[in-house]
């Protein structure tokens, strides 16, 4: 047996070793690739809502979505520093209407002239 043949044999899934670029032995790379392609077709949208931090944000968000991330910081509006929040929600393009309703509710509750909403398509990989 040549060195190359021995190396291939030792790295084969039969021995339960990690296969370079695939993972632990016995993983089927074709199945993994198909699963990632399927997920890639469900391209997610990351929505970001920029607002003033005020009590009740979590309650408003939970009316529309079961998950979100809130990033807190300081903002500047008309020359005045205020507590700010960026709400990040990973959803689909079908959720835009819910995002708009959420932004409207936040605008009313926080007595703001506007709530900035941005969005961008993102690729996702659930590990």
N, C-alpha and C. Protein backbone atom coordinates (compact mmCIF):
# COMPACT_ATOMS: atom_id res chain seq x y z
N UNK A 1 0.85 -1.17 0.00
CA UNK A 1 0.00 0.00 0.00
C UNK A 1 0.90 1.24 0.00
N UNK A 2 0.62 2.19 -0.91
CA UNK A 2 1.43 3.41 -0.98
C UNK A 2 1.03 4.35 0.14
N UNK A 3 1.85 5.36 0.36
CA UNK A 3 1.55 6.36 1.38
C UNK A 3 0.22 7.06 1.12
N UNK A 4 -0.04 7.39 -0.15
CA UNK A 4 -1.30 8.05 -0.51
C UNK A 4 -2.48 7.15 -0.22
N UNK A 5 -2.36 5.86 -0.57
CA UNK A 5 -3.46 4.93 -0.31
C UNK A 5 -3.70 4.78 1.19
N UNK A 6 -2.63 4.71 1.96
CA UNK A 6 -2.75 4.59 3.41
C UNK A 6 -3.42 5.82 4.00
N UNK A 7 -3.00 7.00 3.54
CA UNK A 7 -3.60 8.24 4.04
C UNK A 7 -5.08 8.30 3.70
N UNK A 8 -5.44 7.94 2.47
CA UNK A 8 -6.85 7.93 2.07
C UNK A 8 -7.66 6.95 2.91
N UNK A 9 -7.08 5.81 3.20
CA UNK A 9 -7.77 4.80 4.00
C UNK A 9 -7.99 5.30 5.43
N UNK A 10 -6.97 5.93 6.01
CA UNK A 10 -7.08 6.42 7.39
C UNK A 10 -8.06 7.58 7.51
N UNK A 11 -8.19 8.37 6.46
CA UNK A 11 -9.10 9.51 6.50
C UNK A 11 -10.50 9.17 6.04
N UNK A 12 -10.74 7.96 5.68
CA UNK A 12 -12.07 7.58 5.18
C UNK A 12 -13.08 7.56 6.32
N UNK A 13 -14.36 7.80 6.01
CA UNK A 13 -15.41 7.81 7.03
C UNK A 13 -15.51 6.49 7.80
N UNK A 14 -15.03 5.42 7.20
CA UNK A 14 -15.11 4.12 7.85
C UNK A 14 -14.37 4.13 9.18
N UNK A 15 -13.29 4.89 9.27
CA UNK A 15 -12.48 4.93 10.48
C UNK A 15 -12.99 5.98 11.46
N UNK A 16 -14.05 6.69 11.14
CA UNK A 16 -14.60 7.68 12.06
C UNK A 16 -13.73 8.91 12.20
N UNK A 17 -12.82 9.11 11.28
CA UNK A 17 -11.94 10.26 11.33
C UNK A 17 -12.62 11.46 10.67
N UNK A 18 -12.08 12.62 10.93
CA UNK A 18 -12.58 13.81 10.27
C UNK A 18 -12.13 13.82 8.83
N UNK A 19 -13.05 14.05 7.94
CA UNK A 19 -12.74 14.14 6.52
C UNK A 19 -12.52 15.61 6.21
N UNK A 20 -11.33 16.00 5.74
CA UNK A 20 -11.05 17.41 5.50
C UNK A 20 -12.12 18.07 4.64
N UNK A 21 -12.62 19.19 5.13
CA UNK A 21 -13.61 19.96 4.39
C UNK A 21 -15.03 19.45 4.53
N UNK A 22 -15.21 18.33 5.23
CA UNK A 22 -16.56 17.78 5.37
C UNK A 22 -16.95 17.67 6.83
N UNK A 23 -16.11 17.17 7.67
CA UNK A 23 -16.43 17.02 9.07
C UNK A 23 -16.19 15.60 9.53
N UNK A 24 -16.77 15.25 10.68
CA UNK A 24 -16.55 13.90 11.20
C UNK A 24 -16.94 12.83 10.20
N UNK A 25 -16.29 11.71 10.30
CA UNK A 25 -16.54 10.60 9.38
C UNK A 25 -18.01 10.25 9.29
N UNK A 26 -18.39 9.69 8.18
CA UNK A 26 -19.73 9.23 7.88
C UNK A 26 -20.69 10.37 7.53
N UNK A 27 -20.22 11.60 7.48
CA UNK A 27 -21.07 12.69 7.01
C UNK A 27 -21.09 12.62 5.49
N UNK A 28 -22.24 12.79 4.91
CA UNK A 28 -22.37 12.77 3.46
C UNK A 28 -22.30 14.20 2.95
N UNK A 29 -21.22 14.54 2.28
CA UNK A 29 -21.03 15.92 1.82
C UNK A 29 -22.12 16.35 0.85
N UNK A 30 -22.66 15.43 0.07
CA UNK A 30 -23.72 15.78 -0.88
C UNK A 30 -24.98 16.20 -0.14
N UNK A 31 -25.30 15.49 0.94
CA UNK A 31 -26.48 15.86 1.74
C UNK A 31 -26.26 17.22 2.39
N UNK A 32 -25.07 17.45 2.94
CA UNK A 32 -24.78 18.76 3.55
C UNK A 32 -24.90 19.87 2.52
N UNK A 33 -24.37 19.66 1.33
CA UNK A 33 -24.41 20.68 0.28
C UNK A 33 -25.85 20.97 -0.14
N UNK A 34 -26.65 19.91 -0.30
CA UNK A 34 -28.06 20.12 -0.69
C UNK A 34 -28.82 20.89 0.39
N UNK A 35 -28.56 20.58 1.64
CA UNK A 35 -29.23 21.27 2.75
C UNK A 35 -28.86 22.75 2.77
N UNK A 36 -27.59 23.06 2.55
CA UNK A 36 -27.17 24.46 2.53
C UNK A 36 -27.75 25.20 1.33
N UNK A 37 -27.85 24.53 0.19
CA UNK A 37 -28.48 25.15 -0.97
C UNK A 37 -29.95 25.43 -0.70
N UNK A 38 -30.64 24.50 -0.04
CA UNK A 38 -32.05 24.70 0.30
C UNK A 38 -32.21 25.91 1.21
N UNK A 39 -31.34 26.03 2.20
CA UNK A 39 -31.40 27.17 3.11
C UNK A 39 -31.06 28.46 2.39
N UNK A 40 -30.14 28.39 1.43
CA UNK A 40 -29.75 29.59 0.70
C UNK A 40 -30.92 30.14 -0.12
N UNK A 41 -31.80 29.25 -0.57
CA UNK A 41 -32.97 29.71 -1.31
C UNK A 41 -33.91 30.50 -0.42
N UNK A 42 -33.88 30.26 0.87
CA UNK A 42 -34.69 31.00 1.83
C UNK A 42 -33.88 32.18 2.36
N UNK A 43 -33.38 32.99 1.47
CA UNK A 43 -32.56 34.12 1.88
C UNK A 43 -33.34 34.98 2.85
N UNK A 44 -32.71 35.27 3.94
CA UNK A 44 -33.35 36.06 4.98
C UNK A 44 -33.14 37.54 4.71
N UNK A 45 -33.94 38.33 5.37
CA UNK A 45 -33.81 39.78 5.35
C UNK A 45 -33.51 40.21 6.78
N UNK A 46 -32.48 41.04 6.94
CA UNK A 46 -32.25 41.62 8.26
C UNK A 46 -32.86 43.02 8.23
N UNK A 47 -33.83 43.21 9.11
CA UNK A 47 -34.49 44.51 9.26
C UNK A 47 -33.88 45.20 10.47
N UNK A 48 -33.66 46.52 10.36
CA UNK A 48 -33.16 47.29 11.49
C UNK A 48 -34.07 48.50 11.67
N UNK A 49 -34.52 48.68 12.89
CA UNK A 49 -35.36 49.81 13.24
C UNK A 49 -34.57 50.68 14.21
N UNK A 50 -34.37 51.94 13.85
CA UNK A 50 -33.59 52.88 14.66
C UNK A 50 -34.57 53.78 15.40
N UNK A 51 -34.46 53.78 16.72
CA UNK A 51 -35.43 54.51 17.53
C UNK A 51 -34.80 55.00 18.82
N UNK A 52 -35.56 55.77 19.55
CA UNK A 52 -35.16 56.19 20.89
C UNK A 52 -35.45 55.03 21.85
N UNK A 53 -34.55 54.81 22.78
CA UNK A 53 -34.78 53.75 23.77
C UNK A 53 -35.81 54.25 24.77
N UNK A 54 -36.85 53.49 24.92
CA UNK A 54 -37.92 53.85 25.86
C UNK A 54 -38.53 52.57 26.41
N UNK A 55 -39.12 52.65 27.59
CA UNK A 55 -39.75 51.45 28.16
C UNK A 55 -40.82 50.89 27.22
N UNK A 56 -40.95 49.59 27.22
CA UNK A 56 -42.01 48.95 26.44
C UNK A 56 -41.60 48.45 25.07
N UNK A 57 -40.33 48.62 24.68
CA UNK A 57 -39.91 48.16 23.35
C UNK A 57 -40.10 46.65 23.21
N UNK A 58 -39.68 45.89 24.22
CA UNK A 58 -39.80 44.43 24.13
C UNK A 58 -41.25 43.99 24.00
N UNK A 59 -42.13 44.64 24.71
CA UNK A 59 -43.56 44.29 24.62
C UNK A 59 -44.09 44.55 23.22
N UNK A 60 -43.70 45.66 22.62
CA UNK A 60 -44.14 45.96 21.26
C UNK A 60 -43.59 44.95 20.26
N UNK A 61 -42.31 44.65 20.37
CA UNK A 61 -41.69 43.70 19.44
C UNK A 61 -42.36 42.34 19.53
N UNK A 62 -42.64 41.90 20.75
CA UNK A 62 -43.20 40.56 20.94
C UNK A 62 -44.63 40.44 20.40
N UNK A 63 -45.28 41.55 20.12
CA UNK A 63 -46.61 41.49 19.47
C UNK A 63 -46.49 40.96 18.04
N UNK A 64 -45.35 41.22 17.41
CA UNK A 64 -45.18 40.89 16.00
C UNK A 64 -44.18 39.76 15.73
N UNK A 65 -43.15 39.65 16.59
CA UNK A 65 -42.06 38.70 16.32
C UNK A 65 -41.68 37.94 17.58
N UNK A 66 -41.26 36.70 17.40
CA UNK A 66 -40.87 35.87 18.55
C UNK A 66 -39.39 36.04 18.90
N UNK A 67 -38.65 36.76 18.08
CA UNK A 67 -37.24 36.97 18.37
C UNK A 67 -36.72 38.26 17.75
N UNK A 68 -35.79 38.88 18.42
CA UNK A 68 -35.15 40.11 17.93
C UNK A 68 -33.92 40.38 18.79
N UNK A 69 -33.06 41.24 18.30
CA UNK A 69 -31.91 41.70 19.07
C UNK A 69 -32.03 43.21 19.19
N UNK A 70 -31.81 43.71 20.40
CA UNK A 70 -31.83 45.16 20.60
C UNK A 70 -30.42 45.59 21.01
N UNK A 71 -29.89 46.53 20.26
CA UNK A 71 -28.57 47.08 20.53
C UNK A 71 -28.78 48.49 21.10
N UNK A 72 -28.24 48.73 22.27
CA UNK A 72 -28.43 50.02 22.94
C UNK A 72 -27.22 50.91 22.75
N UNK A 73 -27.45 52.20 22.67
CA UNK A 73 -26.36 53.15 22.52
C UNK A 73 -26.88 54.56 22.71
N UNK A 74 -26.08 55.51 22.28
CA UNK A 74 -26.47 56.91 22.35
C UNK A 74 -26.69 57.42 20.94
N UNK A 75 -27.67 58.29 20.80
CA UNK A 75 -27.96 58.87 19.50
C UNK A 75 -27.98 60.39 19.60
N UNK A 76 -27.92 61.01 18.46
CA UNK A 76 -27.95 62.47 18.38
C UNK A 76 -29.12 62.86 17.50
N UNK A 77 -30.05 63.64 18.02
CA UNK A 77 -31.21 64.07 17.24
C UNK A 77 -31.43 65.54 17.48
N UNK A 78 -31.38 66.33 16.42
CA UNK A 78 -31.53 67.78 16.48
C UNK A 78 -30.59 68.40 17.50
N UNK A 79 -29.36 67.90 17.53
CA UNK A 79 -28.34 68.45 18.40
C UNK A 79 -28.40 67.99 19.84
N UNK A 80 -29.32 67.12 20.17
CA UNK A 80 -29.45 66.64 21.55
C UNK A 80 -29.12 65.15 21.61
N UNK A 81 -28.39 64.77 22.65
CA UNK A 81 -28.05 63.36 22.85
C UNK A 81 -29.23 62.66 23.52
N UNK A 82 -29.55 61.48 23.00
CA UNK A 82 -30.63 60.69 23.59
C UNK A 82 -30.24 59.22 23.61
N UNK A 83 -30.88 58.47 24.48
CA UNK A 83 -30.64 57.02 24.52
C UNK A 83 -31.26 56.43 23.27
N UNK A 84 -30.48 55.66 22.55
CA UNK A 84 -30.96 55.09 21.30
C UNK A 84 -30.99 53.58 21.34
N UNK A 85 -31.74 53.01 20.42
CA UNK A 85 -31.82 51.56 20.30
C UNK A 85 -31.94 51.20 18.82
N UNK A 86 -31.27 50.12 18.44
CA UNK A 86 -31.41 49.55 17.11
C UNK A 86 -31.99 48.16 17.30
N UNK A 87 -33.15 47.95 16.74
CA UNK A 87 -33.82 46.66 16.83
C UNK A 87 -33.51 45.90 15.56
N UNK A 88 -32.93 44.73 15.70
CA UNK A 88 -32.55 43.92 14.55
C UNK A 88 -33.41 42.66 14.54
N UNK A 89 -34.09 42.44 13.41
CA UNK A 89 -34.98 41.30 13.28
C UNK A 89 -34.61 40.56 11.99
N UNK A 90 -34.36 39.27 12.12
CA UNK A 90 -34.07 38.42 10.97
C UNK A 90 -35.38 37.76 10.56
N UNK A 91 -35.84 38.08 9.36
CA UNK A 91 -37.14 37.59 8.90
C UNK A 91 -37.08 37.36 7.40
N UNK A 92 -38.23 37.42 6.74
CA UNK A 92 -38.28 37.26 5.28
C UNK A 92 -38.94 38.50 4.68
N UNK A 93 -38.93 38.57 3.37
CA UNK A 93 -39.57 39.71 2.70
C UNK A 93 -41.07 39.74 2.96
N UNK A 94 -41.65 38.59 3.30
CA UNK A 94 -43.08 38.55 3.61
C UNK A 94 -43.42 39.26 4.91
N UNK A 95 -42.40 39.58 5.72
CA UNK A 95 -42.63 40.21 7.02
C UNK A 95 -42.56 41.74 6.98
N UNK A 96 -42.38 42.32 5.81
CA UNK A 96 -42.23 43.77 5.73
C UNK A 96 -43.44 44.51 6.32
N UNK A 97 -44.63 44.01 6.06
CA UNK A 97 -45.84 44.68 6.59
C UNK A 97 -45.82 44.70 8.12
N UNK A 98 -45.42 43.59 8.74
CA UNK A 98 -45.33 43.54 10.21
C UNK A 98 -44.26 44.51 10.72
N UNK A 99 -43.16 44.62 9.99
CA UNK A 99 -42.10 45.57 10.36
C UNK A 99 -42.64 47.00 10.33
N UNK A 100 -43.39 47.33 9.29
CA UNK A 100 -43.94 48.68 9.16
C UNK A 100 -44.93 48.96 10.30
N UNK A 101 -45.76 47.98 10.65
CA UNK A 101 -46.69 48.17 11.77
C UNK A 101 -45.94 48.34 13.08
N UNK A 102 -44.88 47.55 13.28
CA UNK A 102 -44.08 47.67 14.49
C UNK A 102 -43.45 49.06 14.56
N UNK A 103 -42.87 49.53 13.46
CA UNK A 103 -42.26 50.86 13.44
C UNK A 103 -43.29 51.94 13.76
N UNK A 104 -44.51 51.79 13.24
CA UNK A 104 -45.57 52.75 13.54
C UNK A 104 -45.95 52.74 15.01
N UNK A 105 -46.05 51.56 15.60
CA UNK A 105 -46.36 51.46 17.03
C UNK A 105 -45.27 52.10 17.88
N UNK A 106 -44.01 51.86 17.52
CA UNK A 106 -42.90 52.46 18.26
C UNK A 106 -42.92 53.97 18.13
N UNK A 107 -43.19 54.45 16.93
CA UNK A 107 -43.26 55.89 16.68
C UNK A 107 -44.30 56.55 17.57
N UNK A 108 -45.46 55.94 17.66
CA UNK A 108 -46.54 56.50 18.49
C UNK A 108 -46.16 56.42 19.98
N UNK A 109 -45.71 55.25 20.42
CA UNK A 109 -45.40 55.07 21.85
C UNK A 109 -44.27 55.98 22.31
N UNK A 110 -43.25 56.19 21.46
CA UNK A 110 -42.10 57.01 21.84
C UNK A 110 -42.28 58.48 21.49
N UNK A 111 -43.42 58.85 20.93
CA UNK A 111 -43.71 60.24 20.55
C UNK A 111 -42.60 60.78 19.64
N UNK A 112 -42.29 60.00 18.59
CA UNK A 112 -41.23 60.38 17.66
C UNK A 112 -41.81 60.88 16.35
N UNK A 113 -41.03 61.68 15.64
CA UNK A 113 -41.49 62.15 14.34
C UNK A 113 -41.31 61.05 13.29
N UNK A 114 -40.36 60.12 13.53
CA UNK A 114 -40.17 59.01 12.61
C UNK A 114 -39.36 57.91 13.28
N UNK A 115 -39.43 56.72 12.70
CA UNK A 115 -38.59 55.58 13.07
C UNK A 115 -37.96 55.12 11.76
N UNK A 116 -36.64 55.12 11.71
CA UNK A 116 -35.95 54.71 10.50
C UNK A 116 -35.94 53.19 10.40
N UNK A 117 -36.33 52.67 9.24
CA UNK A 117 -36.32 51.23 8.98
C UNK A 117 -35.40 50.98 7.79
N UNK A 118 -34.44 50.08 7.98
CA UNK A 118 -33.58 49.66 6.88
C UNK A 118 -33.67 48.15 6.77
N UNK A 119 -33.32 47.63 5.60
CA UNK A 119 -33.29 46.18 5.42
C UNK A 119 -32.29 45.82 4.36
N UNK A 120 -31.80 44.59 4.49
CA UNK A 120 -30.82 44.08 3.52
C UNK A 120 -30.94 42.57 3.48
N UNK A 121 -30.81 41.97 2.30
CA UNK A 121 -30.80 40.52 2.22
C UNK A 121 -29.51 39.97 2.83
N UNK A 122 -29.63 38.88 3.52
CA UNK A 122 -28.46 38.23 4.12
C UNK A 122 -28.54 36.73 3.86
N UNK A 123 -27.39 36.12 3.74
CA UNK A 123 -27.33 34.66 3.67
C UNK A 123 -27.30 34.16 5.10
N UNK A 124 -27.87 32.99 5.32
CA UNK A 124 -27.89 32.46 6.67
C UNK A 124 -27.41 31.02 6.68
N UNK A 125 -26.86 30.66 7.80
CA UNK A 125 -26.40 29.30 8.01
C UNK A 125 -26.67 28.96 9.46
N UNK A 126 -27.58 28.06 9.70
CA UNK A 126 -27.89 27.61 11.06
C UNK A 126 -26.95 26.48 11.40
N UNK A 127 -26.15 26.66 12.42
CA UNK A 127 -25.17 25.65 12.82
C UNK A 127 -25.61 25.03 14.13
